[in-house]
PDB file of N, CA and C in Angstrom:
ATOM      1  N   UNK A   1      -0.490  -1.794  35.119  1.00  0.00           N
ATOM      2  CA  UNK A   1       0.302  -1.284  33.995  1.00  0.00           C
ATOM      3  C   UNK A   1       0.732  -2.436  33.058  1.00  0.00           C
ATOM      4  N   UNK A   2       1.113  -3.554  33.658  1.00  0.00           N
ATOM      5  CA  UNK A   2       1.566  -4.704  32.843  1.00  0.00           C
ATOM      6  C   UNK A   2       0.433  -5.215  31.973  1.00  0.00           C
ATOM      7  N   UNK A   3      -0.818  -5.165  32.527  1.00  0.00           N
ATOM      8  CA  UNK A   3      -1.971  -5.626  31.778  1.00  0.00           C
ATOM      9  C   UNK A   3      -2.227  -4.733  30.558  1.00  0.00           C
ATOM     10  N   UNK A   4      -2.036  -3.421  30.702  1.00  0.00           N
ATOM     11  CA  UNK A   4      -2.287  -2.502  29.600  1.00  0.00           C
ATOM     12  C   UNK A   4      -1.257  -2.740  28.499  1.00  0.00           C
ATOM     13  N   UNK A   5       0.006  -2.922  28.875  1.00  0.00           N
ATOM     14  CA  UNK A   5       1.058  -3.157  27.872  1.00  0.00           C
ATOM     15  C   UNK A   5       0.806  -4.475  27.206  1.00  0.00           C
ATOM     16  N   UNK A   6       0.510  -5.499  27.946  1.00  0.00           N
ATOM     17  CA  UNK A   6       0.215  -6.853  27.353  1.00  0.00           C
ATOM     18  C   UNK A   6      -0.963  -6.767  26.417  1.00  0.00           C
ATOM     19  N   UNK A   7      -2.027  -6.056  26.816  1.00  0.00           N
ATOM     20  CA  UNK A   7      -3.186  -5.919  25.952  1.00  0.00           C
ATOM     21  C   UNK A   7      -2.860  -5.175  24.668  1.00  0.00           C
ATOM     22  N   UNK A   8      -2.033  -4.175  24.749  1.00  0.00           N
ATOM     23  CA  UNK A   8      -1.588  -3.449  23.554  1.00  0.00           C
ATOM     24  C   UNK A   8      -0.762  -4.335  22.636  1.00  0.00           C
ATOM     25  N   UNK A   9       0.085  -5.144  23.197  1.00  0.00           N
ATOM     26  CA  UNK A   9       0.917  -6.097  22.368  1.00  0.00           C
ATOM     27  C   UNK A   9       0.049  -7.133  21.726  1.00  0.00           C
ATOM     28  N   UNK A  10      -0.983  -7.602  22.403  1.00  0.00           N
ATOM     29  CA  UNK A  10      -1.857  -8.625  21.841  1.00  0.00           C
ATOM     30  C   UNK A  10      -2.668  -8.043  20.676  1.00  0.00           C
ATOM     31  N   UNK A  11      -3.013  -6.774  20.725  1.00  0.00           N
ATOM     32  CA  UNK A  11      -3.801  -6.144  19.677  1.00  0.00           C
ATOM     33  C   UNK A  11      -2.945  -5.765  18.475  1.00  0.00           C
ATOM     34  N   UNK A  12      -1.630  -5.706  18.623  1.00  0.00           N
ATOM     35  CA  UNK A  12      -0.801  -5.289  17.539  1.00  0.00           C
ATOM     36  C   UNK A  12      -0.995  -6.100  16.245  1.00  0.00           C
ATOM     37  N   UNK A  13      -1.063  -7.430  16.322  1.00  0.00           N
ATOM     38  CA  UNK A  13      -1.256  -8.181  15.043  1.00  0.00           C
ATOM     39  C   UNK A  13      -2.562  -7.778  14.314  1.00  0.00           C
ATOM     40  N   UNK A  14      -3.586  -7.303  15.065  1.00  0.00           N
ATOM     41  CA  UNK A  14      -4.790  -6.886  14.382  1.00  0.00           C
ATOM     42  C   UNK A  14      -4.574  -5.681  13.496  1.00  0.00           C
ATOM     43  N   UNK A  15      -3.693  -4.766  13.915  1.00  0.00           N
ATOM     44  CA  UNK A  15      -3.412  -3.619  13.111  1.00  0.00           C
ATOM     45  C   UNK A  15      -2.610  -3.985  11.885  1.00  0.00           C
ATOM     46  N   UNK A  16      -1.714  -4.924  12.015  1.00  0.00           N
ATOM     47  CA  UNK A  16      -0.875  -5.336  10.916  1.00  0.00           C
ATOM     48  C   UNK A  16      -1.708  -5.966   9.794  1.00  0.00           C
ATOM     49  N   UNK A  17      -2.752  -6.751  10.190  1.00  0.00           N
ATOM     50  CA  UNK A  17      -3.518  -7.452   9.164  1.00  0.00           C
ATOM     51  C   UNK A  17      -4.801  -6.638   8.825  1.00  0.00           C
ATOM     52  N   UNK A  18      -4.948  -5.467   9.264  1.00  0.00           N
ATOM     53  CA  UNK A  18      -6.125  -4.633   8.922  1.00  0.00           C
ATOM     54  C   UNK A  18      -5.922  -3.908   7.627  1.00  0.00           C
ATOM     55  N   UNK A  19      -4.839  -4.157   6.950  1.00  0.00           N
ATOM     56  CA  UNK A  19      -4.502  -3.478   5.698  1.00  0.00           C
ATOM     57  C   UNK A  19      -4.153  -4.501   4.632  1.00  0.00           C
ATOM     58  N   UNK A  20      -4.321  -4.100   3.380  1.00  0.00           N
ATOM     59  CA  UNK A  20      -3.899  -5.002   2.284  1.00  0.00           C
ATOM     60  C   UNK A  20      -2.355  -4.993   2.138  1.00  0.00           C
ATOM     61  N   UNK A  21      -1.797  -6.111   1.674  1.00  0.00           N
ATOM     62  CA  UNK A  21      -0.383  -6.247   1.497  1.00  0.00           C
ATOM     63  C   UNK A  21      -0.066  -6.836   0.119  1.00  0.00           C
ATOM     64  N   UNK A  22       0.838  -6.236  -0.566  1.00  0.00           N
ATOM     65  CA  UNK A  22       1.383  -6.764  -1.831  1.00  0.00           C
ATOM     66  C   UNK A  22       2.574  -7.624  -1.363  1.00  0.00           C
ATOM     67  N   UNK A  23       2.442  -8.933  -1.434  1.00  0.00           N
ATOM     68  CA  UNK A  23       3.382  -9.833  -0.869  1.00  0.00           C
ATOM     69  C   UNK A  23       4.404 -10.282  -1.951  1.00  0.00           C
ATOM     70  N   UNK A  24       5.361  -9.407  -2.272  1.00  0.00           N
ATOM     71  CA  UNK A  24       6.415  -9.666  -3.261  1.00  0.00           C
ATOM     72  C   UNK A  24       5.770  -9.868  -4.645  1.00  0.00           C
ATOM     73  N   UNK A  25       5.159  -8.825  -5.157  1.00  0.00           N
ATOM     74  CA  UNK A  25       4.411  -8.887  -6.384  1.00  0.00           C
ATOM     75  C   UNK A  25       5.097  -8.106  -7.537  1.00  0.00           C
ATOM     76  N   UNK A  26       4.806  -8.506  -8.731  1.00  0.00           N
ATOM     77  CA  UNK A  26       5.199  -7.751  -9.918  1.00  0.00           C
ATOM     78  C   UNK A  26       4.302  -6.579 -10.071  1.00  0.00           C
ATOM     79  N   UNK A  27       4.817  -5.506 -10.657  1.00  0.00           N
ATOM     80  CA  UNK A  27       3.980  -4.299 -10.948  1.00  0.00           C
ATOM     81  C   UNK A  27       3.423  -4.394 -12.330  1.00  0.00           C
ATOM     82  N   UNK A  28       2.153  -4.248 -12.498  1.00  0.00           N
ATOM     83  CA  UNK A  28       1.504  -4.239 -13.800  1.00  0.00           C
ATOM     84  C   UNK A  28       1.684  -2.857 -14.454  1.00  0.00           C
ATOM     85  N   UNK A  29       1.294  -1.780 -13.753  1.00  0.00           N
ATOM     86  CA  UNK A  29       1.529  -0.467 -14.219  1.00  0.00           C
ATOM     87  C   UNK A  29       1.471   0.561 -13.106  1.00  0.00           C
ATOM     88  N   UNK A  30       1.917   1.776 -13.452  1.00  0.00           N
ATOM     89  CA  UNK A  30       1.954   2.900 -12.500  1.00  0.00           C
ATOM     90  C   UNK A  30       1.190   4.047 -13.189  1.00  0.00           C
ATOM     91  N   UNK A  31       0.281   4.675 -12.449  1.00  0.00           N
ATOM     92  CA  UNK A  31      -0.504   5.802 -13.005  1.00  0.00           C
ATOM     93  C   UNK A  31      -0.328   7.025 -12.154  1.00  0.00           C
ATOM     94  N   UNK A  32      -0.121   8.165 -12.797  1.00  0.00           N
ATOM     95  CA  UNK A  32      -0.078   9.481 -12.125  1.00  0.00           C
ATOM     96  C   UNK A  32      -1.059  10.407 -12.771  1.00  0.00           C
ATOM     97  N   UNK A  33      -1.916  11.042 -11.957  1.00  0.00           N
ATOM     98  CA  UNK A  33      -2.879  12.020 -12.466  1.00  0.00           C
ATOM     99  C   UNK A  33      -2.245  13.428 -12.493  1.00  0.00           C
ATOM    100  N   UNK A  34      -2.916  14.368 -13.178  1.00  0.00           N
ATOM    101  CA  UNK A  34      -2.483  15.761 -13.199  1.00  0.00           C
ATOM    102  C   UNK A  34      -2.399  16.348 -11.785  1.00  0.00           C
ATOM    103  N   UNK A  35      -3.239  15.880 -10.872  1.00  0.00           N
ATOM    104  CA  UNK A  35      -3.266  16.379  -9.518  1.00  0.00           C
ATOM    105  C   UNK A  35      -2.079  15.949  -8.713  1.00  0.00           C
ATOM    106  N   UNK A  36      -1.315  14.992  -9.221  1.00  0.00           N
ATOM    107  CA  UNK A  36      -0.190  14.451  -8.463  1.00  0.00           C
ATOM    108  C   UNK A  36      -0.567  13.143  -7.722  1.00  0.00           C
ATOM    109  N   UNK A  37      -1.806  12.807  -7.717  1.00  0.00           N
ATOM    110  CA  UNK A  37      -2.229  11.557  -7.127  1.00  0.00           C
ATOM    111  C   UNK A  37      -1.970  10.437  -8.114  1.00  0.00           C
ATOM    112  N   UNK A  38      -1.675   9.288  -7.548  1.00  0.00           N
ATOM    113  CA  UNK A  38      -1.369   8.144  -8.448  1.00  0.00           C
ATOM    114  C   UNK A  38      -1.578   6.845  -7.737  1.00  0.00           C
ATOM    115  N   UNK A  39      -1.413   5.750  -8.501  1.00  0.00           N
ATOM    116  CA  UNK A  39      -1.456   4.428  -7.870  1.00  0.00           C
ATOM    117  C   UNK A  39      -0.615   3.436  -8.692  1.00  0.00           C
ATOM    118  N   UNK A  40      -0.286   2.381  -7.970  1.00  0.00           N
ATOM    119  CA  UNK A  40       0.461   1.298  -8.589  1.00  0.00           C
ATOM    120  C   UNK A  40      -0.505   0.079  -8.593  1.00  0.00           C
ATOM    121  N   UNK A  41      -0.533  -0.618  -9.716  1.00  0.00           N
ATOM    122  CA  UNK A  41      -1.337  -1.846  -9.790  1.00  0.00           C
ATOM    123  C   UNK A  41      -0.407  -3.039  -9.836  1.00  0.00           C
ATOM    124  N   UNK A  42      -0.715  -3.993  -9.012  1.00  0.00           N
ATOM    125  CA  UNK A  42       0.123  -5.219  -8.856  1.00  0.00           C
ATOM    126  C   UNK A  42      -0.488  -6.337  -9.736  1.00  0.00           C
ATOM    127  N   UNK A  43       0.288  -7.355  -9.996  1.00  0.00           N
ATOM    128  CA  UNK A  43      -0.146  -8.466 -10.833  1.00  0.00           C
ATOM    129  C   UNK A  43      -1.105  -9.410 -10.077  1.00  0.00           C
ATOM    130  N   UNK A  44      -1.133  -9.304  -8.757  1.00  0.00           N
ATOM    131  CA  UNK A  44      -2.028 -10.145  -7.925  1.00  0.00           C
ATOM    132  C   UNK A  44      -2.747  -9.277  -6.937  1.00  0.00           C
ATOM    133  N   UNK A  45      -3.849  -9.792  -6.430  1.00  0.00           N
ATOM    134  CA  UNK A  45      -4.637  -9.095  -5.434  1.00  0.00           C
ATOM    135  C   UNK A  45      -3.862  -8.973  -4.113  1.00  0.00           C
ATOM    136  N   UNK A  46      -4.080  -7.880  -3.433  1.00  0.00           N
ATOM    137  CA  UNK A  46      -3.489  -7.731  -2.092  1.00  0.00           C
ATOM    138  C   UNK A  46      -3.971  -8.796  -1.147  1.00  0.00           C
ATOM    139  N   UNK A  47      -3.134  -9.228  -0.251  1.00  0.00           N
ATOM    140  CA  UNK A  47      -3.511 -10.167   0.752  1.00  0.00           C
ATOM    141  C   UNK A  47      -3.752  -9.435   2.039  1.00  0.00           C
ATOM    142  N   UNK A  48      -4.300 -10.123   3.066  1.00  0.00           N
ATOM    143  CA  UNK A  48      -4.706  -9.483   4.320  1.00  0.00           C
ATOM    144  C   UNK A  48      -6.140  -9.061   4.228  1.00  0.00           C
ATOM    145  N   UNK A  49      -6.526  -8.099   4.958  1.00  0.00           N
ATOM    146  CA  UNK A  49      -7.881  -7.612   5.008  1.00  0.00           C
ATOM    147  C   UNK A  49      -7.904  -6.168   4.573  1.00  0.00           C
ATOM    148  N   UNK A  50      -8.169  -5.885   3.286  1.00  0.00           N
ATOM    149  CA  UNK A  50      -8.234  -4.512   2.840  1.00  0.00           C
ATOM    150  C   UNK A  50      -9.419  -3.805   3.591  1.00  0.00           C
ATOM    151  N   UNK A  51      -9.336  -2.488   3.707  1.00  0.00           N
ATOM    152  CA  UNK A  51     -10.419  -1.742   4.363  1.00  0.00           C
ATOM    153  C   UNK A  51     -11.715  -1.828   3.558  1.00  0.00           C
ATOM    154  N   UNK A  52     -12.852  -1.619   4.187  1.00  0.00           N
ATOM    155  CA  UNK A  52     -14.163  -1.737   3.542  1.00  0.00           C
ATOM    156  C   UNK A  52     -14.348  -0.714   2.459  1.00  0.00           C
ATOM    157  N   UNK A  53     -13.561   0.371   2.424  1.00  0.00           N
ATOM    158  CA  UNK A  53     -13.713   1.383   1.404  1.00  0.00           C
ATOM    159  C   UNK A  53     -13.179   0.917   0.052  1.00  0.00           C
ATOM    160  N   UNK A  54     -12.399  -0.159   0.005  1.00  0.00           N
ATOM    161  CA  UNK A  54     -11.826  -0.646  -1.250  1.00  0.00           C
ATOM    162  C   UNK A  54     -12.980  -1.237  -2.086  1.00  0.00           C
ATOM    163  N   UNK A  55     -13.188  -0.689  -3.271  1.00  0.00           N
ATOM    164  CA  UNK A  55     -14.256  -1.111  -4.164  1.00  0.00           C
ATOM    165  C   UNK A  55     -13.691  -1.428  -5.545  1.00  0.00           C
ATOM    166  N   UNK A  56     -13.326  -2.666  -5.807  1.00  0.00           N
ATOM    167  CA  UNK A  56     -12.867  -3.039  -7.110  1.00  0.00           C
ATOM    168  C   UNK A  56     -11.386  -2.845  -7.369  1.00  0.00           C
ATOM    169  N   UNK A  57     -10.707  -2.157  -6.494  1.00  0.00           N
ATOM    170  CA  UNK A  57      -9.226  -1.951  -6.668  1.00  0.00           C
ATOM    171  C   UNK A  57      -8.455  -2.794  -5.686  1.00  0.00           C
ATOM    172  N   UNK A  58      -8.649  -4.095  -5.789  1.00  0.00           N
ATOM    173  CA  UNK A  58      -8.008  -5.073  -4.899  1.00  0.00           C
ATOM    174  C   UNK A  58      -6.561  -5.324  -5.247  1.00  0.00           C
ATOM    175  N   UNK A  59      -6.086  -4.844  -6.394  1.00  0.00           N
ATOM    176  CA  UNK A  59      -4.744  -5.062  -6.852  1.00  0.00           C
ATOM    177  C   UNK A  59      -3.883  -3.786  -6.739  1.00  0.00           C
ATOM    178  N   UNK A  60      -4.384  -2.727  -6.120  1.00  0.00           N
ATOM    179  CA  UNK A  60      -3.697  -1.457  -6.210  1.00  0.00           C
ATOM    180  C   UNK A  60      -3.522  -0.711  -4.831  1.00  0.00           C
ATOM    181  N   UNK A  61      -2.499   0.115  -4.793  1.00  0.00           N
ATOM    182  CA  UNK A  61      -2.281   1.019  -3.648  1.00  0.00           C
ATOM    183  C   UNK A  61      -2.006   2.394  -4.213  1.00  0.00           C
ATOM    184  N   UNK A  62      -2.641   3.429  -3.611  1.00  0.00           N
ATOM    185  CA  UNK A  62      -2.522   4.788  -4.078  1.00  0.00           C
ATOM    186  C   UNK A  62      -1.439   5.566  -3.306  1.00  0.00           C
ATOM    187  N   UNK A  63      -1.024   6.703  -3.854  1.00  0.00           N
ATOM    188  CA  UNK A  63       0.015   7.553  -3.247  1.00  0.00           C
ATOM    189  C   UNK A  63      -0.159   8.970  -3.767  1.00  0.00           C
ATOM    190  N   UNK A  64       0.437   9.932  -3.095  1.00  0.00           N
ATOM    191  CA  UNK A  64       0.340  11.333  -3.452  1.00  0.00           C
ATOM    192  C   UNK A  64       1.742  11.905  -3.648  1.00  0.00           C
ATOM    193  N   UNK A  65       2.048  12.256  -4.926  1.00  0.00           N
ATOM    194  CA  UNK A  65       3.374  12.741  -5.221  1.00  0.00           C
ATOM    195  C   UNK A  65       3.571  14.227  -4.817  1.00  0.00           C
ATOM    196  N   UNK A  66       2.510  14.863  -4.273  1.00  0.00           N
ATOM    197  CA  UNK A  66       2.678  16.223  -3.722  1.00  0.00           C
ATOM    198  C   UNK A  66       3.271  16.157  -2.331  1.00  0.00           C
ATOM    199  N   UNK A  67       3.465  15.014  -1.819  1.00  0.00           N
ATOM    200  CA  UNK A  67       4.121  14.743  -0.500  1.00  0.00           C
ATOM    201  C   UNK A  67       5.447  14.067  -0.758  1.00  0.00           C
ATOM    202  N   UNK A  68       6.448  14.285   0.073  1.00  0.00           N
ATOM    203  CA  UNK A  68       7.724  13.641  -0.106  1.00  0.00           C
ATOM    204  C   UNK A  68       7.641  12.135  -0.033  1.00  0.00           C
ATOM    205  N   UNK A  69       6.804  11.577   0.809  1.00  0.00           N
ATOM    206  CA  UNK A  69       6.598  10.147   0.860  1.00  0.00           C
ATOM    207  C   UNK A  69       6.071   9.584  -0.454  1.00  0.00           C
ATOM    208  N   UNK A  70       5.140  10.309  -1.048  1.00  0.00           N
ATOM    209  CA  UNK A  70       4.556   9.868  -2.291  1.00  0.00           C
ATOM    210  C   UNK A  70       5.580   9.888  -3.432  1.00  0.00           C
ATOM    211  N   UNK A  71       6.474  10.893  -3.391  1.00  0.00           N
ATOM    212  CA  UNK A  71       7.545  10.988  -4.363  1.00  0.00           C
ATOM    213  C   UNK A  71       8.500   9.781  -4.250  1.00  0.00           C
ATOM    214  N   UNK A  72       8.763   9.390  -3.002  1.00  0.00           N
ATOM    215  CA  UNK A  72       9.571   8.210  -2.762  1.00  0.00           C
ATOM    216  C   UNK A  72       8.916   6.933  -3.269  1.00  0.00           C
ATOM    217  N   UNK A  73       7.587   6.825  -3.021  1.00  0.00           N
ATOM    218  CA  UNK A  73       6.864   5.670  -3.537  1.00  0.00           C
ATOM    219  C   UNK A  73       6.967   5.610  -5.049  1.00  0.00           C
ATOM    220  N   UNK A  74       6.772   6.771  -5.714  1.00  0.00           N
ATOM    221  CA  UNK A  74       6.846   6.778  -7.183  1.00  0.00           C
ATOM    222  C   UNK A  74       8.218   6.330  -7.651  1.00  0.00           C
ATOM    223  N   UNK A  75       9.287   6.809  -7.008  1.00  0.00           N
ATOM    224  CA  UNK A  75      10.629   6.442  -7.387  1.00  0.00           C
ATOM    225  C   UNK A  75      10.852   4.938  -7.192  1.00  0.00           C
ATOM    226  N   UNK A  76      10.335   4.422  -6.102  1.00  0.00           N
ATOM    227  CA  UNK A  76      10.476   2.975  -5.793  1.00  0.00           C
ATOM    228  C   UNK A  76       9.786   2.132  -6.821  1.00  0.00           C
ATOM    229  N   UNK A  77       8.519   2.433  -7.135  1.00  0.00           N
ATOM    230  CA  UNK A  77       7.756   1.622  -8.050  1.00  0.00           C
ATOM    231  C   UNK A  77       8.275   1.735  -9.479  1.00  0.00           C
ATOM    232  N   UNK A  78       8.755   2.922  -9.876  1.00  0.00           N
ATOM    233  CA  UNK A  78       9.310   3.052 -11.248  1.00  0.00           C
ATOM    234  C   UNK A  78      10.644   2.314 -11.343  1.00  0.00           C
ATOM    235  N   UNK A  79      11.441   2.345 -10.336  1.00  0.00           N
ATOM    236  CA  UNK A  79      12.679   1.574 -10.312  1.00  0.00           C
ATOM    237  C   UNK A  79      12.396   0.069 -10.337  1.00  0.00           C
ATOM    238  N   UNK A  80      11.424  -0.356  -9.612  1.00  0.00           N
ATOM    239  CA  UNK A  80      11.062  -1.838  -9.641  1.00  0.00           C
ATOM    240  C   UNK A  80      10.546  -2.233 -10.981  1.00  0.00           C
ATOM    241  N   UNK A  81       9.646  -1.407 -11.532  1.00  0.00           N
ATOM    242  CA  UNK A  81       9.050  -1.762 -12.849  1.00  0.00           C
ATOM    243  C   UNK A  81      10.150  -1.772 -13.939  1.00  0.00           C
ATOM    244  N   UNK A  82      11.015  -0.795 -13.955  1.00  0.00           N
ATOM    245  CA  UNK A  82      12.101  -0.663 -14.939  1.00  0.00           C
ATOM    246  C   UNK A  82      13.110  -1.858 -14.866  1.00  0.00           C
ATOM    247  N   UNK A  83      13.337  -2.313 -13.631  1.00  0.00           N
ATOM    248  CA  UNK A  83      14.328  -3.362 -13.451  1.00  0.00           C
ATOM    249  C   UNK A  83      13.720  -4.776 -13.392  1.00  0.00           C
ATOM    250  N   UNK A  84      12.378  -4.850 -13.481  1.00  0.00           N
ATOM    251  CA  UNK A  84      11.719  -6.178 -13.415  1.00  0.00           C
ATOM    252  C   UNK A  84      11.724  -6.808 -12.048  1.00  0.00           C
ATOM    253  N   UNK A  85      11.927  -5.994 -11.030  1.00  0.00           N
ATOM    254  CA  UNK A  85      11.978  -6.533  -9.647  1.00  0.00           C
ATOM    255  C   UNK A  85      10.560  -6.545  -9.025  1.00  0.00           C
ATOM    256  N   UNK A  86      10.378  -7.308  -8.008  1.00  0.00           N
ATOM    257  CA  UNK A  86       9.102  -7.431  -7.312  1.00  0.00           C
ATOM    258  C   UNK A  86       9.100  -6.467  -6.132  1.00  0.00           C
ATOM    259  N   UNK A  87       7.917  -6.138  -5.638  1.00  0.00           N
ATOM    260  CA  UNK A  87       7.700  -5.157  -4.562  1.00  0.00           C
ATOM    261  C   UNK A  87       6.899  -5.805  -3.434  1.00  0.00           C
ATOM    262  N   UNK A  88       7.303  -5.465  -2.222  1.00  0.00           N
ATOM    263  CA  UNK A  88       6.509  -5.800  -1.038  1.00  0.00           C
ATOM    264  C   UNK A  88       6.002  -4.433  -0.565  1.00  0.00           C
ATOM    265  N   UNK A  89       4.675  -4.342  -0.354  1.00  0.00           N
ATOM    266  CA  UNK A  89       4.093  -3.073   0.127  1.00  0.00           C
ATOM    267  C   UNK A  89       2.895  -3.342   1.006  1.00  0.00           C
ATOM    268  N   UNK A  90       2.702  -2.427   1.951  1.00  0.00           N
ATOM    269  CA  UNK A  90       1.593  -2.522   2.937  1.00  0.00           C
ATOM    270  C   UNK A  90       0.772  -1.256   2.873  1.00  0.00           C
ATOM    271  N   UNK A  91      -0.545  -1.402   2.922  1.00  0.00           N
ATOM    272  CA  UNK A  91      -1.461  -0.270   2.885  1.00  0.00           C
ATOM    273  C   UNK A  91      -1.702   0.310   4.249  1.00  0.00           C
ATOM    274  N   UNK A  92      -2.308   1.509   4.293  1.00  0.00           N
ATOM    275  CA  UNK A  92      -2.567   2.188   5.559  1.00  0.00           C
ATOM    276  C   UNK A  92      -3.844   1.725   6.216  1.00  0.00           C
ATOM    277  N   UNK A  93      -4.708   1.091   5.469  1.00  0.00           N
ATOM    278  CA  UNK A  93      -6.026   0.691   6.055  1.00  0.00           C
ATOM    279  C   UNK A  93      -7.097   1.739   5.749  1.00  0.00           C
ATOM    280  N   UNK A  94      -6.744   2.785   4.942  1.00  0.00           N
ATOM    281  CA  UNK A  94      -7.791   3.758   4.585  1.00  0.00           C
ATOM    282  C   UNK A  94      -7.643   4.082   3.106  1.00  0.00           C
ATOM    283  N   UNK A  95      -8.657   4.799   2.636  1.00  0.00           N
ATOM    284  CA  UNK A  95      -8.749   5.140   1.209  1.00  0.00           C
ATOM    285  C   UNK A  95      -8.779   6.641   0.966  1.00  0.00           C
ATOM    286  N   UNK A  96      -7.950   7.376   1.704  1.00  0.00           N
ATOM    287  CA  UNK A  96      -8.046   8.831   1.724  1.00  0.00           C
ATOM    288  C   UNK A  96      -7.730   9.539   0.392  1.00  0.00           C
ATOM    289  N   UNK A  97      -7.057   8.887  -0.524  1.00  0.00           N
ATOM    290  CA  UNK A  97      -6.661   9.600  -1.799  1.00  0.00           C
ATOM    291  C   UNK A  97      -7.778   9.488  -2.839  1.00  0.00           C
ATOM    292  N   UNK A  98      -8.146   8.291  -3.235  1.00  0.00           N
ATOM    293  CA  UNK A  98      -9.137   8.140  -4.252  1.00  0.00           C
ATOM    294  C   UNK A  98     -10.546   7.727  -3.700  1.00  0.00           C
ATOM    295  N   UNK A  99     -10.573   7.274  -2.484  1.00  0.00           N
ATOM    296  CA  UNK A  99     -11.850   6.851  -1.888  1.00  0.00           C
ATOM    297  C   UNK A  99     -12.245   5.453  -2.157  1.00  0.00           C
ATOM    298  N   UNK A 100     -11.619   4.798  -3.143  1.00  0.00           N
ATOM    299  CA  UNK A 100     -12.010   3.413  -3.495  1.00  0.00           C
ATOM    300  C   UNK A 100     -10.819   2.451  -3.506  1.00  0.00           C
ATOM    301  N   UNK A 101      -9.646   2.932  -3.206  1.00  0.00           N
ATOM    302  CA  UNK A 101      -8.461   2.066  -3.117  1.00  0.00           C
ATOM    303  C   UNK A 101      -7.589   2.495  -1.929  1.00  0.00           C
ATOM    304  N   UNK A 102      -6.934   1.497  -1.380  1.00  0.00           N
ATOM    305  CA  UNK A 102      -6.126   1.760  -0.192  1.00  0.00           C
ATOM    306  C   UNK A 102      -4.902   2.600  -0.475  1.00  0.00           C
ATOM    307  N   UNK A 103      -4.462   3.351   0.525  1.00  0.00           N
ATOM    308  CA  UNK A 103      -3.284   4.176   0.363  1.00  0.00           C
ATOM    309  C   UNK A 103      -2.037   3.353   0.782  1.00  0.00           C
ATOM    310  N   UNK A 104      -0.918   3.606   0.098  1.00  0.00           N
ATOM    311  CA  UNK A 104       0.364   3.007   0.392  1.00  0.00           C
ATOM    312  C   UNK A 104       0.851   3.515   1.737  1.00  0.00           C
ATOM    313  N   UNK A 105       1.295   2.632   2.610  1.00  0.00           N
ATOM    314  CA  UNK A 105       1.949   3.003   3.897  1.00  0.00           C
ATOM    315  C   UNK A 105       3.445   2.867   3.801  1.00  0.00           C
ATOM    316  N   UNK A 106       3.909   1.664   3.433  1.00  0.00           N
ATOM    317  CA  UNK A 106       5.353   1.459   3.323  1.00  0.00           C
ATOM    318  C   UNK A 106       5.641   0.258   2.440  1.00  0.00           C
ATOM    319  N   UNK A 107       6.857   0.149   1.953  1.00  0.00           N
ATOM    320  CA  UNK A 107       7.199  -0.972   1.115  1.00  0.00           C
ATOM    321  C   UNK A 107       8.668  -0.954   0.653  1.00  0.00           C
ATOM    322  N   UNK A 108       9.087  -2.001  -0.029  1.00  0.00           N
ATOM    323  CA  UNK A 108      10.443  -2.093  -0.511  1.00  0.00           C
ATOM    324  C   UNK A 108      10.518  -2.952  -1.772  1.00  0.00           C
ATOM    325  N   UNK A 109      11.654  -2.791  -2.502  1.00  0.00           N
ATOM    326  CA  UNK A 109      11.893  -3.602  -3.647  1.00  0.00           C
ATOM    327  C   UNK A 109      12.564  -4.912  -3.195  1.00  0.00           C
ATOM    328  N   UNK A 110      12.115  -6.020  -3.735  1.00  0.00           N
ATOM    329  CA  UNK A 110      12.645  -7.313  -3.371  1.00  0.00           C
ATOM    330  C   UNK A 110      13.957  -7.563  -4.154  1.00  0.00           C
TER     331      UNK A 110
END
């Protein structure tokens, strides 16, 4: 049992770095589509290892405003953009919204 727990703890950093991260970045712009899907573009490329599905959108994370989490992301990024504050954000490691950019997992205003 101890070996299983230790193995799981050793693998944890792999999951953390399997996604792109906006490491205290300025927001360039925020886009929302008619469908409620949107994305935020950062002034710098995400660090870490973005998923292989990311194609050309290395500066962006997507979100869905039809979900409460996506509405929260929209509020956070608009507040950060309006106040000139930087954002720290981590992606999910998948591209389920647009298929070519990583989805937002969690983040905060610096």
